[in-house]
């Protein structure tokens, strides 16, 4: 790593507590890295890579697309905003949200947001 924000380093340490840099502890593939605690995306910028990391807060009982929809609602987005961001129709988003409610045993988007932002076990 040539340069990293403190938050990025904290995320790396959540996945690899013994890491001390400067090299990443694992090689990245085309999709970046999907770890136990974090997800890293890599984008080519000239001859270097820009890395973006986020905590994995996905709910394991949901499909990848349902997780995407749930994440959108967890960020406070509307059906139309989630649909636009994911390239789906609003009706498809409604279908996914009904499946999410059923799988998680919840009845509203606020509860989904709460589950997404709860501390990991």
PDB file of N, CA and C in Angstrom:
ATOM      1  N   UNK A   1       0.836  -1.175   0.000  1.00  0.00           N
ATOM      2  CA  UNK A   1       0.000   0.000   0.000  1.00  0.00           C
ATOM      3  C   UNK A   1       0.880   1.237   0.000  1.00  0.00           C
ATOM      4  N   UNK A   2       0.576   2.171  -0.860  1.00  0.00           N
ATOM      5  CA  UNK A   2       1.325   3.422  -0.863  1.00  0.00           C
ATOM      6  C   UNK A   2       0.699   4.443   0.071  1.00  0.00           C
ATOM      7  N   UNK A   3      -0.625   4.432   0.140  1.00  0.00           N
ATOM      8  CA  UNK A   3      -1.341   5.398   0.947  1.00  0.00           C
ATOM      9  C   UNK A   3      -2.669   4.768   1.345  1.00  0.00           C
ATOM     10  N   UNK A   4      -3.089   4.981   2.592  1.00  0.00           N
ATOM     11  CA  UNK A   4      -4.367   4.419   3.034  1.00  0.00           C
ATOM     12  C   UNK A   4      -4.971   5.304   4.109  1.00  0.00           C
ATOM     13  N   UNK A   5      -6.274   5.465   4.039  1.00  0.00           N
ATOM     14  CA  UNK A   5      -6.982   6.175   5.093  1.00  0.00           C
ATOM     15  C   UNK A   5      -7.031   5.288   6.335  1.00  0.00           C
ATOM     16  N   UNK A   6      -7.128   5.913   7.483  1.00  0.00           N
ATOM     17  CA  UNK A   6      -7.153   5.156   8.728  1.00  0.00           C
ATOM     18  C   UNK A   6      -8.279   4.123   8.745  1.00  0.00           C
ATOM     19  N   UNK A   7      -9.444   4.471   8.251  1.00  0.00           N
ATOM     20  CA  UNK A   7     -10.565   3.543   8.218  1.00  0.00           C
ATOM     21  C   UNK A   7     -10.255   2.289   7.418  1.00  0.00           C
ATOM     22  N   UNK A   8      -9.496   2.451   6.338  1.00  0.00           N
ATOM     23  CA  UNK A   8      -9.122   1.305   5.513  1.00  0.00           C
ATOM     24  C   UNK A   8      -8.221   0.363   6.304  1.00  0.00           C
ATOM     25  N   UNK A   9      -7.252   0.929   6.988  1.00  0.00           N
ATOM     26  CA  UNK A   9      -6.337   0.122   7.803  1.00  0.00           C
ATOM     27  C   UNK A   9      -7.125  -0.598   8.895  1.00  0.00           C
ATOM     28  N   UNK A  10      -8.081   0.087   9.514  1.00  0.00           N
ATOM     29  CA  UNK A  10      -8.902  -0.550  10.548  1.00  0.00           C
ATOM     30  C   UNK A  10      -9.675  -1.738   9.988  1.00  0.00           C
ATOM     31  N   UNK A  11     -10.199  -1.589   8.766  1.00  0.00           N
ATOM     32  CA  UNK A  11     -10.911  -2.705   8.140  1.00  0.00           C
ATOM     33  C   UNK A  11      -9.971  -3.878   7.882  1.00  0.00           C
ATOM     34  N   UNK A  12      -8.773  -3.590   7.391  1.00  0.00           N
ATOM     35  CA  UNK A  12      -7.801  -4.669   7.180  1.00  0.00           C
ATOM     36  C   UNK A  12      -7.500  -5.387   8.496  1.00  0.00           C
ATOM     37  N   UNK A  13      -7.372  -4.631   9.550  1.00  0.00           N
ATOM     38  CA  UNK A  13      -7.067  -5.240  10.847  1.00  0.00           C
ATOM     39  C   UNK A  13      -8.241  -6.044  11.399  1.00  0.00           C
ATOM     40  N   UNK A  14      -9.466  -5.710  10.991  1.00  0.00           N
ATOM     41  CA  UNK A  14     -10.608  -6.518  11.438  1.00  0.00           C
ATOM     42  C   UNK A  14     -10.569  -7.905  10.804  1.00  0.00           C
ATOM     43  N   UNK A  15      -9.982  -8.002   9.623  1.00  0.00           N
ATOM     44  CA  UNK A  15      -9.871  -9.292   8.919  1.00  0.00           C
ATOM     45  C   UNK A  15      -8.581 -10.018   9.308  1.00  0.00           C
ATOM     46  N   UNK A  16      -7.501  -9.261   9.439  1.00  0.00           N
ATOM     47  CA  UNK A  16      -6.188  -9.829   9.742  1.00  0.00           C
ATOM     48  C   UNK A  16      -5.573  -9.068  10.915  1.00  0.00           C
ATOM     49  N   UNK A  17      -5.916  -9.434  12.148  1.00  0.00           N
ATOM     50  CA  UNK A  17      -5.456  -8.682  13.322  1.00  0.00           C
ATOM     51  C   UNK A  17      -3.931  -8.584  13.448  1.00  0.00           C
ATOM     52  N   UNK A  18      -3.200  -9.523  12.887  1.00  0.00           N
ATOM     53  CA  UNK A  18      -1.740  -9.524  12.999  1.00  0.00           C
ATOM     54  C   UNK A  18      -1.056  -8.740  11.881  1.00  0.00           C
ATOM     55  N   UNK A  19      -1.823  -8.220  10.929  1.00  0.00           N
ATOM     56  CA  UNK A  19      -1.253  -7.521   9.770  1.00  0.00           C
ATOM     57  C   UNK A  19      -0.542  -6.252  10.213  1.00  0.00           C
ATOM     58  N   UNK A  20       0.623  -6.003   9.617  1.00  0.00           N
ATOM     59  CA  UNK A  20       1.347  -4.772   9.932  1.00  0.00           C
ATOM     60  C   UNK A  20       1.799  -4.019   8.687  1.00  0.00           C
ATOM     61  N   UNK A  21       1.391  -4.511   7.478  1.00  0.00           N
ATOM     62  CA  UNK A  21       1.686  -3.787   6.243  1.00  0.00           C
ATOM     63  C   UNK A  21       3.148  -3.834   5.870  1.00  0.00           C
ATOM     64  N   UNK A  22       3.555  -3.197   4.807  1.00  0.00           N
ATOM     65  CA  UNK A  22       2.717  -2.418   3.898  1.00  0.00           C
ATOM     66  C   UNK A  22       2.015  -3.259   2.831  1.00  0.00           C
ATOM     67  N   UNK A  23       2.457  -4.494   2.618  1.00  0.00           N
ATOM     68  CA  UNK A  23       1.827  -5.335   1.588  1.00  0.00           C
ATOM     69  C   UNK A  23       0.523  -5.916   2.125  1.00  0.00           C
ATOM     70  N   UNK A  24      -0.423  -6.125   1.231  1.00  0.00           N
ATOM     71  CA  UNK A  24      -1.664  -6.772   1.638  1.00  0.00           C
ATOM     72  C   UNK A  24      -1.358  -8.205   2.069  1.00  0.00           C
ATOM     73  N   UNK A  25      -2.101  -8.727   3.027  1.00  0.00           N
ATOM     74  CA  UNK A  25      -1.813 -10.074   3.524  1.00  0.00           C
ATOM     75  C   UNK A  25      -2.217 -11.193   2.571  1.00  0.00           C
ATOM     76  N   UNK A  26      -3.044 -10.892   1.571  1.00  0.00           N
ATOM     77  CA  UNK A  26      -3.455 -11.891   0.575  1.00  0.00           C
ATOM     78  C   UNK A  26      -3.440 -11.243  -0.799  1.00  0.00           C
ATOM     79  N   UNK A  27      -3.197 -12.036  -1.838  1.00  0.00           N
ATOM     80  CA  UNK A  27      -3.299 -11.468  -3.187  1.00  0.00           C
ATOM     81  C   UNK A  27      -4.770 -11.234  -3.540  1.00  0.00           C
ATOM     82  N   UNK A  28      -5.036 -10.222  -4.349  1.00  0.00           N
ATOM     83  CA  UNK A  28      -6.390  -9.943  -4.810  1.00  0.00           C
ATOM     84  C   UNK A  28      -6.611 -10.583  -6.159  1.00  0.00           C
ATOM     85  N   UNK A  29      -7.814 -11.114  -6.374  1.00  0.00           N
ATOM     86  CA  UNK A  29      -8.145 -11.644  -7.694  1.00  0.00           C
ATOM     87  C   UNK A  29      -8.915 -10.580  -8.475  1.00  0.00           C
ATOM     88  N   UNK A  30      -9.506 -10.945  -9.614  1.00  0.00           N
ATOM     89  CA  UNK A  30     -10.222  -9.988 -10.465  1.00  0.00           C
ATOM     90  C   UNK A  30     -11.336  -9.269  -9.718  1.00  0.00           C
ATOM     91  N   UNK A  31     -11.975  -9.960  -8.775  1.00  0.00           N
ATOM     92  CA  UNK A  31     -13.098  -9.372  -8.044  1.00  0.00           C
ATOM     93  C   UNK A  31     -12.661  -8.728  -6.740  1.00  0.00           C
ATOM     94  N   UNK A  32     -11.389  -8.750  -6.436  1.00  0.00           N
ATOM     95  CA  UNK A  32     -10.898  -8.199  -5.186  1.00  0.00           C
ATOM     96  C   UNK A  32     -10.702  -9.297  -4.167  1.00  0.00           C
ATOM     97  N   UNK A  33     -11.359  -9.155  -3.016  1.00  0.00           N
ATOM     98  CA  UNK A  33     -11.243 -10.151  -1.947  1.00  0.00           C
ATOM     99  C   UNK A  33     -12.553 -10.193  -1.177  1.00  0.00           C
ATOM    100  N   UNK A  34     -13.074 -11.364  -0.971  1.00  0.00           N
ATOM    101  CA  UNK A  34     -14.272 -11.562  -0.150  1.00  0.00           C
ATOM    102  C   UNK A  34     -13.840 -12.370   1.064  1.00  0.00           C
ATOM    103  N   UNK A  35     -13.683 -11.696   2.183  1.00  0.00           N
ATOM    104  CA  UNK A  35     -13.207 -12.359   3.381  1.00  0.00           C
ATOM    105  C   UNK A  35     -14.315 -12.630   4.373  1.00  0.00           C
ATOM    106  N   UNK A  36     -13.924 -13.089   5.535  1.00  0.00           N
ATOM    107  CA  UNK A  36     -14.886 -13.400   6.584  1.00  0.00           C
ATOM    108  C   UNK A  36     -15.543 -12.128   7.119  1.00  0.00           C
ATOM    109  N   UNK A  37     -14.770 -11.052   7.250  1.00  0.00           N
ATOM    110  CA  UNK A  37     -15.275  -9.819   7.842  1.00  0.00           C
ATOM    111  C   UNK A  37     -15.385  -8.660   6.864  1.00  0.00           C
ATOM    112  N   UNK A  38     -14.572  -8.662   5.802  1.00  0.00           N
ATOM    113  CA  UNK A  38     -14.571  -7.517   4.887  1.00  0.00           C
ATOM    114  C   UNK A  38     -14.616  -7.962   3.424  1.00  0.00           C
ATOM    115  N   UNK A  39     -14.984  -7.009   2.579  1.00  0.00           N
ATOM    116  CA  UNK A  39     -14.953  -7.179   1.131  1.00  0.00           C
ATOM    117  C   UNK A  39     -14.083  -6.054   0.586  1.00  0.00           C
ATOM    118  N   UNK A  40     -13.130  -6.400  -0.284  1.00  0.00           N
ATOM    119  CA  UNK A  40     -12.253  -5.401  -0.898  1.00  0.00           C
ATOM    120  C   UNK A  40     -12.486  -5.425  -2.405  1.00  0.00           C
ATOM    121  N   UNK A  41     -12.737  -4.245  -2.970  1.00  0.00           N
ATOM    122  CA  UNK A  41     -12.859  -4.101  -4.417  1.00  0.00           C
ATOM    123  C   UNK A  41     -11.627  -3.371  -4.929  1.00  0.00           C
ATOM    124  N   UNK A  42     -11.133  -3.802  -6.093  1.00  0.00           N
ATOM    125  CA  UNK A  42      -9.956  -3.178  -6.697  1.00  0.00           C
ATOM    126  C   UNK A  42     -10.324  -2.605  -8.053  1.00  0.00           C
ATOM    127  N   UNK A  43      -9.931  -1.351  -8.292  1.00  0.00           N
ATOM    128  CA  UNK A  43     -10.170  -0.695  -9.580  1.00  0.00           C
ATOM    129  C   UNK A  43      -8.840  -0.186 -10.119  1.00  0.00           C
ATOM    130  N   UNK A  44      -8.550  -0.510 -11.377  1.00  0.00           N
ATOM    131  CA  UNK A  44      -7.306  -0.047 -11.987  1.00  0.00           C
ATOM    132  C   UNK A  44      -7.379   1.462 -12.220  1.00  0.00           C
ATOM    133  N   UNK A  45      -6.318   2.151 -11.801  1.00  0.00           N
ATOM    134  CA  UNK A  45      -6.167   3.589 -12.040  1.00  0.00           C
ATOM    135  C   UNK A  45      -4.750   3.769 -12.564  1.00  0.00           C
ATOM    136  N   UNK A  46      -4.634   3.871 -13.893  1.00  0.00           N
ATOM    137  CA  UNK A  46      -3.306   3.910 -14.492  1.00  0.00           C
ATOM    138  C   UNK A  46      -2.605   2.588 -14.251  1.00  0.00           C
ATOM    139  N   UNK A  47      -1.393   2.652 -13.719  1.00  0.00           N
ATOM    140  CA  UNK A  47      -0.646   1.417 -13.438  1.00  0.00           C
ATOM    141  C   UNK A  47      -0.750   1.007 -11.963  1.00  0.00           C
ATOM    142  N   UNK A  48      -1.698   1.606 -11.241  1.00  0.00           N
ATOM    143  CA  UNK A  48      -1.918   1.259  -9.843  1.00  0.00           C
ATOM    144  C   UNK A  48      -3.364   0.823  -9.637  1.00  0.00           C
ATOM    145  N   UNK A  49      -3.690   0.460  -8.412  1.00  0.00           N
ATOM    146  CA  UNK A  49      -5.052   0.047  -8.078  1.00  0.00           C
ATOM    147  C   UNK A  49      -5.587   0.882  -6.928  1.00  0.00           C
ATOM    148  N   UNK A  50      -6.840   1.258  -7.042  1.00  0.00           N
ATOM    149  CA  UNK A  50      -7.552   1.916  -5.967  1.00  0.00           C
ATOM    150  C   UNK A  50      -8.365   0.840  -5.262  1.00  0.00           C
ATOM    151  N   UNK A  51      -8.165   0.703  -3.962  1.00  0.00           N
ATOM    152  CA  UNK A  51      -8.865  -0.325  -3.198  1.00  0.00           C
ATOM    153  C   UNK A  51      -9.952   0.315  -2.347  1.00  0.00           C
ATOM    154  N   UNK A  52     -11.108  -0.320  -2.333  1.00  0.00           N
ATOM    155  CA  UNK A  52     -12.211   0.114  -1.484  1.00  0.00           C
ATOM    156  C   UNK A  52     -12.632  -1.086  -0.656  1.00  0.00           C
ATOM    157  N   UNK A  53     -12.745  -0.888   0.644  1.00  0.00           N
ATOM    158  CA  UNK A  53     -13.102  -1.996   1.540  1.00  0.00           C
ATOM    159  C   UNK A  53     -14.353  -1.624   2.325  1.00  0.00           C
ATOM    160  N   UNK A  54     -15.138  -2.647   2.622  1.00  0.00           N
ATOM    161  CA  UNK A  54     -16.321  -2.458   3.468  1.00  0.00           C
ATOM    162  C   UNK A  54     -16.530  -3.719   4.294  1.00  0.00           C
ATOM    163  N   UNK A  55     -17.192  -3.549   5.423  1.00  0.00           N
ATOM    164  CA  UNK A  55     -17.526  -4.692   6.251  1.00  0.00           C
ATOM    165  C   UNK A  55     -18.561  -5.551   5.557  1.00  0.00           C
ATOM    166  N   UNK A  56     -18.463  -6.848   5.720  1.00  0.00           N
ATOM    167  CA  UNK A  56     -19.501  -7.759   5.249  1.00  0.00           C
ATOM    168  C   UNK A  56     -20.628  -7.726   6.266  1.00  0.00           C
ATOM    169  N   UNK A  57     -21.710  -7.138   5.901  1.00  0.00           N
ATOM    170  CA  UNK A  57     -22.866  -7.112   6.786  1.00  0.00           C
ATOM    171  C   UNK A  57     -24.019  -7.866   6.142  1.00  0.00           C
ATOM    172  N   UNK A  58     -23.719  -8.571   5.091  1.00  0.00           N
ATOM    173  CA  UNK A  58     -24.763  -9.311   4.385  1.00  0.00           C
ATOM    174  C   UNK A  58     -25.354 -10.378   5.295  1.00  0.00           C
ATOM    175  N   UNK A  59     -26.617 -10.629   5.079  1.00  0.00           N
ATOM    176  CA  UNK A  59     -27.307 -11.647   5.854  1.00  0.00           C
ATOM    177  C   UNK A  59     -27.220 -12.960   5.095  1.00  0.00           C
ATOM    178  N   UNK A  60     -26.600 -13.991   5.682  1.00  0.00           N
ATOM    179  CA  UNK A  60     -26.278 -15.207   4.943  1.00  0.00           C
ATOM    180  C   UNK A  60     -27.475 -15.971   4.392  1.00  0.00           C
ATOM    181  N   UNK A  61     -28.664 -15.826   4.959  1.00  0.00           N
ATOM    182  CA  UNK A  61     -29.812 -16.579   4.460  1.00  0.00           C
ATOM    183  C   UNK A  61     -30.411 -15.975   3.194  1.00  0.00           C
ATOM    184  N   UNK A  62     -29.949 -14.787   2.787  1.00  0.00           N
ATOM    185  CA  UNK A  62     -30.462 -14.140   1.592  1.00  0.00           C
ATOM    186  C   UNK A  62     -29.590 -14.449   0.385  1.00  0.00           C
ATOM    187  N   UNK A  63     -30.209 -14.438  -0.793  1.00  0.00           N
ATOM    188  CA  UNK A  63     -29.448 -14.599  -2.037  1.00  0.00           C
ATOM    189  C   UNK A  63     -28.595 -13.347  -2.240  1.00  0.00           C
ATOM    190  N   UNK A  64     -27.591 -13.410  -3.113  1.00  0.00           N
ATOM    191  CA  UNK A  64     -26.775 -12.214  -3.365  1.00  0.00           C
ATOM    192  C   UNK A  64     -27.622 -11.016  -3.808  1.00  0.00           C
ATOM    193  N   UNK A  65     -28.607 -11.224  -4.677  1.00  0.00           N
ATOM    194  CA  UNK A  65     -29.436 -10.107  -5.142  1.00  0.00           C
ATOM    195  C   UNK A  65     -30.317  -9.582  -4.007  1.00  0.00           C
ATOM    196  N   UNK A  66     -30.848 -10.481  -3.183  1.00  0.00           N
ATOM    197  CA  UNK A  66     -31.640 -10.042  -2.035  1.00  0.00           C
ATOM    198  C   UNK A  66     -30.779  -9.234  -1.066  1.00  0.00           C
ATOM    199  N   UNK A  67     -29.533  -9.639  -0.886  1.00  0.00           N
ATOM    200  CA  UNK A  67     -28.622  -8.865  -0.048  1.00  0.00           C
ATOM    201  C   UNK A  67     -28.412  -7.475  -0.613  1.00  0.00           C
ATOM    202  N   UNK A  68     -28.257  -7.376  -1.941  1.00  0.00           N
ATOM    203  CA  UNK A  68     -28.090  -6.062  -2.578  1.00  0.00           C
ATOM    204  C   UNK A  68     -29.298  -5.176  -2.307  1.00  0.00           C
ATOM    205  N   UNK A  69     -30.499  -5.748  -2.462  1.00  0.00           N
ATOM    206  CA  UNK A  69     -31.733  -4.997  -2.217  1.00  0.00           C
ATOM    207  C   UNK A  69     -31.806  -4.598  -0.743  1.00  0.00           C
ATOM    208  N   UNK A  70     -31.521  -5.533   0.155  1.00  0.00           N
ATOM    209  CA  UNK A  70     -31.565  -5.240   1.587  1.00  0.00           C
ATOM    210  C   UNK A  70     -30.567  -4.139   1.952  1.00  0.00           C
ATOM    211  N   UNK A  71     -29.387  -4.180   1.366  1.00  0.00           N
ATOM    212  CA  UNK A  71     -28.389  -3.134   1.629  1.00  0.00           C
ATOM    213  C   UNK A  71     -28.927  -1.768   1.213  1.00  0.00           C
ATOM    214  N   UNK A  72     -29.578  -1.708   0.052  1.00  0.00           N
ATOM    215  CA  UNK A  72     -30.162  -0.444  -0.397  1.00  0.00           C
ATOM    216  C   UNK A  72     -31.186   0.086   0.585  1.00  0.00           C
ATOM    217  N   UNK A  73     -32.072  -0.780   1.035  1.00  0.00           N
ATOM    218  CA  UNK A  73     -33.074  -0.354   2.013  1.00  0.00           C
ATOM    219  C   UNK A  73     -32.416  -0.010   3.341  1.00  0.00           C
ATOM    220  N   UNK A  74     -31.357  -0.719   3.691  1.00  0.00           N
ATOM    221  CA  UNK A  74     -30.630  -0.415   4.918  1.00  0.00           C
ATOM    222  C   UNK A  74     -29.984   0.959   4.885  1.00  0.00           C
ATOM    223  N   UNK A  75     -29.728   1.467   3.673  1.00  0.00           N
ATOM    224  CA  UNK A  75     -29.165   2.813   3.499  1.00  0.00           C
ATOM    225  C   UNK A  75     -30.261   3.873   3.401  1.00  0.00           C
ATOM    226  N   UNK A  76     -31.516   3.445   3.554  1.00  0.00           N
ATOM    227  CA  UNK A  76     -32.632   4.393   3.528  1.00  0.00           C
ATOM    228  C   UNK A  76     -33.141   4.741   2.144  1.00  0.00           C
ATOM    229  N   UNK A  77     -32.785   3.958   1.139  1.00  0.00           N
ATOM    230  CA  UNK A  77     -33.221   4.247  -0.230  1.00  0.00           C
ATOM    231  C   UNK A  77     -34.660   3.785  -0.454  1.00  0.00           C
ATOM    232  N   UNK A  78     -35.306   4.409  -1.435  1.00  0.00           N
ATOM    233  CA  UNK A  78     -36.662   4.035  -1.822  1.00  0.00           C
ATOM    234  C   UNK A  78     -36.608   2.867  -2.806  1.00  0.00           C
ATOM    235  N   UNK A  79     -37.806   2.291  -3.093  1.00  0.00           N
ATOM    236  CA  UNK A  79     -37.878   1.217  -4.099  1.00  0.00           C
ATOM    237  C   UNK A  79     -37.259   1.690  -5.414  1.00  0.00           C
ATOM    238  N   UNK A  80     -37.648   2.892  -5.853  1.00  0.00           N
ATOM    239  CA  UNK A  80     -37.157   3.399  -7.138  1.00  0.00           C
ATOM    240  C   UNK A  80     -35.649   3.606  -7.129  1.00  0.00           C
ATOM    241  N   UNK A  81     -35.106   4.108  -6.027  1.00  0.00           N
ATOM    242  CA  UNK A  81     -33.659   4.316  -5.941  1.00  0.00           C
ATOM    243  C   UNK A  81     -32.914   2.989  -5.969  1.00  0.00           C
ATOM    244  N   UNK A  82     -33.412   2.010  -5.227  1.00  0.00           N
ATOM    245  CA  UNK A  82     -32.781   0.682  -5.218  1.00  0.00           C
ATOM    246  C   UNK A  82     -32.861   0.079  -6.615  1.00  0.00           C
ATOM    247  N   UNK A  83     -34.026   0.185  -7.254  1.00  0.00           N
ATOM    248  CA  UNK A  83     -34.207  -0.358  -8.605  1.00  0.00           C
ATOM    249  C   UNK A  83     -33.219   0.283  -9.574  1.00  0.00           C
ATOM    250  N   UNK A  84     -33.114   1.605  -9.526  1.00  0.00           N
ATOM    251  CA  UNK A  84     -32.196   2.315 -10.430  1.00  0.00           C
ATOM    252  C   UNK A  84     -30.755   1.883 -10.176  1.00  0.00           C
ATOM    253  N   UNK A  85     -30.348   1.844  -8.913  1.00  0.00           N
ATOM    254  CA  UNK A  85     -28.963   1.499  -8.574  1.00  0.00           C
ATOM    255  C   UNK A  85     -28.590   0.084  -9.010  1.00  0.00           C
ATOM    256  N   UNK A  86     -29.562  -0.835  -8.953  1.00  0.00           N
ATOM    257  CA  UNK A  86     -29.284  -2.240  -9.273  1.00  0.00           C
ATOM    258  C   UNK A  86     -29.686  -2.622 -10.690  1.00  0.00           C
ATOM    259  N   UNK A  87     -30.248  -1.683 -11.431  1.00  0.00           N
ATOM    260  CA  UNK A  87     -30.672  -1.985 -12.802  1.00  0.00           C
ATOM    261  C   UNK A  87     -31.864  -2.923 -12.845  1.00  0.00           C
ATOM    262  N   UNK A  88     -32.779  -2.769 -11.883  1.00  0.00           N
ATOM    263  CA  UNK A  88     -33.968  -3.617 -11.799  1.00  0.00           C
ATOM    264  C   UNK A  88     -35.218  -2.754 -11.943  1.00  0.00           C
ATOM    265  N   UNK A  89     -36.339  -3.404 -12.164  1.00  0.00           N
ATOM    266  CA  UNK A  89     -37.605  -2.671 -12.150  1.00  0.00           C
ATOM    267  C   UNK A  89     -38.060  -2.542 -10.695  1.00  0.00           C
ATOM    268  N   UNK A  90     -38.855  -1.501 -10.382  1.00  0.00           N
ATOM    269  CA  UNK A  90     -39.377  -1.378  -9.020  1.00  0.00           C
ATOM    270  C   UNK A  90     -40.205  -2.599  -8.602  1.00  0.00           C
ATOM    271  N   UNK A  91     -40.924  -3.222  -9.553  1.00  0.00           N
ATOM    272  CA  UNK A  91     -41.695  -4.428  -9.218  1.00  0.00           C
ATOM    273  C   UNK A  91     -40.782  -5.579  -8.813  1.00  0.00           C
ATOM    274  N   UNK A  92     -39.641  -5.712  -9.473  1.00  0.00           N
ATOM    275  CA  UNK A  92     -38.679  -6.758  -9.101  1.00  0.00           C
ATOM    276  C   UNK A  92     -38.135  -6.492  -7.700  1.00  0.00           C
ATOM    277  N   UNK A  93     -37.864  -5.228  -7.405  1.00  0.00           N
ATOM    278  CA  UNK A  93     -37.391  -4.878  -6.062  1.00  0.00           C
ATOM    279  C   UNK A  93     -38.466  -5.233  -5.033  1.00  0.00           C
ATOM    280  N   UNK A  94     -39.723  -4.955  -5.328  1.00  0.00           N
ATOM    281  CA  UNK A  94     -40.821  -5.305  -4.411  1.00  0.00           C
ATOM    282  C   UNK A  94     -40.884  -6.825  -4.200  1.00  0.00           C
ATOM    283  N   UNK A  95     -40.679  -7.573  -5.273  1.00  0.00           N
ATOM    284  CA  UNK A  95     -40.656  -9.031  -5.157  1.00  0.00           C
ATOM    285  C   UNK A  95     -39.532  -9.471  -4.205  1.00  0.00           C
ATOM    286  N   UNK A  96     -38.345  -8.892  -4.390  1.00  0.00           N
ATOM    287  CA  UNK A  96     -37.213  -9.240  -3.527  1.00  0.00           C
ATOM    288  C   UNK A  96     -37.483  -8.846  -2.075  1.00  0.00           C
ATOM    289  N   UNK A  97     -38.084  -7.699  -1.867  1.00  0.00           N
ATOM    290  CA  UNK A  97     -38.315  -7.261  -0.493  1.00  0.00           C
ATOM    291  C   UNK A  97     -39.323  -8.178   0.201  1.00  0.00           C
ATOM    292  N   UNK A  98     -40.319  -8.671  -0.533  1.00  0.00           N
ATOM    293  CA  UNK A  98     -41.259  -9.631   0.060  1.00  0.00           C
ATOM    294  C   UNK A  98     -40.533 -10.917   0.459  1.00  0.00           C
ATOM    295  N   UNK A  99     -39.623 -11.389  -0.412  1.00  0.00           N
ATOM    296  CA  UNK A  99     -38.844 -12.591  -0.091  1.00  0.00           C
ATOM    297  C   UNK A  99     -37.945 -12.345   1.122  1.00  0.00           C
ATOM    298  N   UNK A 100     -37.372 -11.151   1.211  1.00  0.00           N
ATOM    299  CA  UNK A 100     -36.515 -10.800   2.350  1.00  0.00           C
ATOM    300  C   UNK A 100     -37.334 -10.809   3.637  1.00  0.00           C
ATOM    301  N   UNK A 101     -38.504 -10.176   3.606  1.00  0.00           N
ATOM    302  CA  UNK A 101     -39.381 -10.171   4.785  1.00  0.00           C
ATOM    303  C   UNK A 101     -39.665 -11.595   5.235  1.00  0.00           C
ATOM    304  N   UNK A 102     -40.001 -12.449   4.288  1.00  0.00           N
ATOM    305  CA  UNK A 102     -40.344 -13.834   4.610  1.00  0.00           C
ATOM    306  C   UNK A 102     -39.146 -14.580   5.205  1.00  0.00           C
ATOM    307  N   UNK A 103     -37.978 -14.473   4.569  1.00  0.00           N
ATOM    308  CA  UNK A 103     -36.797 -15.195   5.029  1.00  0.00           C
ATOM    309  C   UNK A 103     -36.311 -14.712   6.396  1.00  0.00           C
ATOM    310  N   UNK A 104     -36.433 -13.402   6.641  1.00  0.00           N
ATOM    311  CA  UNK A 104     -35.922 -12.841   7.893  1.00  0.00           C
ATOM    312  C   UNK A 104     -36.975 -12.779   8.987  1.00  0.00           C
ATOM    313  N   UNK A 105     -38.239 -13.023   8.610  1.00  0.00           N
ATOM    314  CA  UNK A 105     -39.318 -12.957   9.588  1.00  0.00           C
ATOM    315  C   UNK A 105     -39.572 -11.549  10.092  1.00  0.00           C
ATOM    316  N   UNK A 106     -39.424 -10.569   9.209  1.00  0.00           N
ATOM    317  CA  UNK A 106     -39.659  -9.166   9.572  1.00  0.00           C
ATOM    318  C   UNK A 106     -40.805  -8.613   8.733  1.00  0.00           C
ATOM    319  N   UNK A 107     -41.290  -7.430   9.142  1.00  0.00           N
ATOM    320  CA  UNK A 107     -42.440  -6.846   8.450  1.00  0.00           C
ATOM    321  C   UNK A 107     -42.204  -5.450   7.931  1.00  0.00           C
ATOM    322  N   UNK A 108     -41.002  -4.893   8.150  1.00  0.00           N
ATOM    323  CA  UNK A 108     -40.756  -3.541   7.644  1.00  0.00           C
ATOM    324  C   UNK A 108     -39.281  -3.322   7.341  1.00  0.00           C
ATOM    325  N   UNK A 109     -39.043  -2.262   6.554  1.00  0.00           N
ATOM    326  CA  UNK A 109     -37.680  -1.950   6.121  1.00  0.00           C
ATOM    327  C   UNK A 109     -36.798  -1.501   7.282  1.00  0.00           C
ATOM    328  N   UNK A 110     -37.381  -0.888   8.291  1.00  0.00           N
ATOM    329  CA  UNK A 110     -36.595  -0.440   9.442  1.00  0.00           C
ATOM    330  C   UNK A 110     -35.949  -1.637  10.151  1.00  0.00           C
ATOM    331  N   UNK A 111     -36.671  -2.728  10.236  1.00  0.00           N
ATOM    332  CA  UNK A 111     -36.123  -3.931  10.883  1.00  0.00           C
ATOM    333  C   UNK A 111     -34.986  -4.518  10.046  1.00  0.00           C
ATOM    334  N   UNK A 112     -35.114  -4.451   8.732  1.00  0.00           N
ATOM    335  CA  UNK A 112     -34.023  -4.914   7.860  1.00  0.00           C
ATOM    336  C   UNK A 112     -32.775  -4.081   8.134  1.00  0.00           C
ATOM    337  N   UNK A 113     -32.935  -2.755   8.192  1.00  0.00           N
ATOM    338  CA  UNK A 113     -31.796  -1.869   8.464  1.00  0.00           C
ATOM    339  C   UNK A 113     -31.165  -2.214   9.803  1.00  0.00           C
ATOM    340  N   UNK A 114     -32.001  -2.494  10.807  1.00  0.00           N
ATOM    341  CA  UNK A 114     -31.485  -2.853  12.132  1.00  0.00           C
ATOM    342  C   UNK A 114     -30.655  -4.139  12.059  1.00  0.00           C
ATOM    343  N   UNK A 115     -31.167  -5.150  11.343  1.00  0.00           N
ATOM    344  CA  UNK A 115     -30.434  -6.417  11.218  1.00  0.00           C
ATOM    345  C   UNK A 115     -29.121  -6.234  10.478  1.00  0.00           C
ATOM    346  N   UNK A 116     -29.113  -5.379   9.460  1.00  0.00           N
ATOM    347  CA  UNK A 116     -27.888  -5.153   8.683  1.00  0.00           C
ATOM    348  C   UNK A 116     -26.830  -4.441   9.487  1.00  0.00           C
ATOM    349  N   UNK A 117     -27.244  -3.591  10.417  1.00  0.00           N
ATOM    350  CA  UNK A 117     -26.281  -2.798  11.157  1.00  0.00           C
ATOM    351  C   UNK A 117     -25.999  -3.322  12.552  1.00  0.00           C
ATOM    352  N   UNK A 118     -26.571  -4.462  12.879  1.00  0.00           N
ATOM    353  CA  UNK A 118     -26.287  -5.080  14.176  1.00  0.00           C
ATOM    354  C   UNK A 118     -24.846  -5.573  14.189  1.00  0.00           C
ATOM    355  N   UNK A 119     -24.159  -5.518  15.326  1.00  0.00           N
ATOM    356  CA  UNK A 119     -22.781  -6.014  15.368  1.00  0.00           C
ATOM    357  C   UNK A 119     -22.730  -7.492  15.034  1.00  0.00           C
ATOM    358  N   UNK A 120     -21.693  -7.936  14.288  1.00  0.00           N
ATOM    359  CA  UNK A 120     -21.585  -9.348  13.952  1.00  0.00           C
ATOM    360  C   UNK A 120     -21.381 -10.185  15.213  1.00  0.00           C
ATOM    361  N   UNK A 121     -21.847 -11.432  15.131  1.00  0.00           N
ATOM    362  CA  UNK A 121     -21.702 -12.354  16.276  1.00  0.00           C
ATOM    363  C   UNK A 121     -20.253 -12.690  16.523  1.00  0.00           C
TER     364      UNK A 121
END
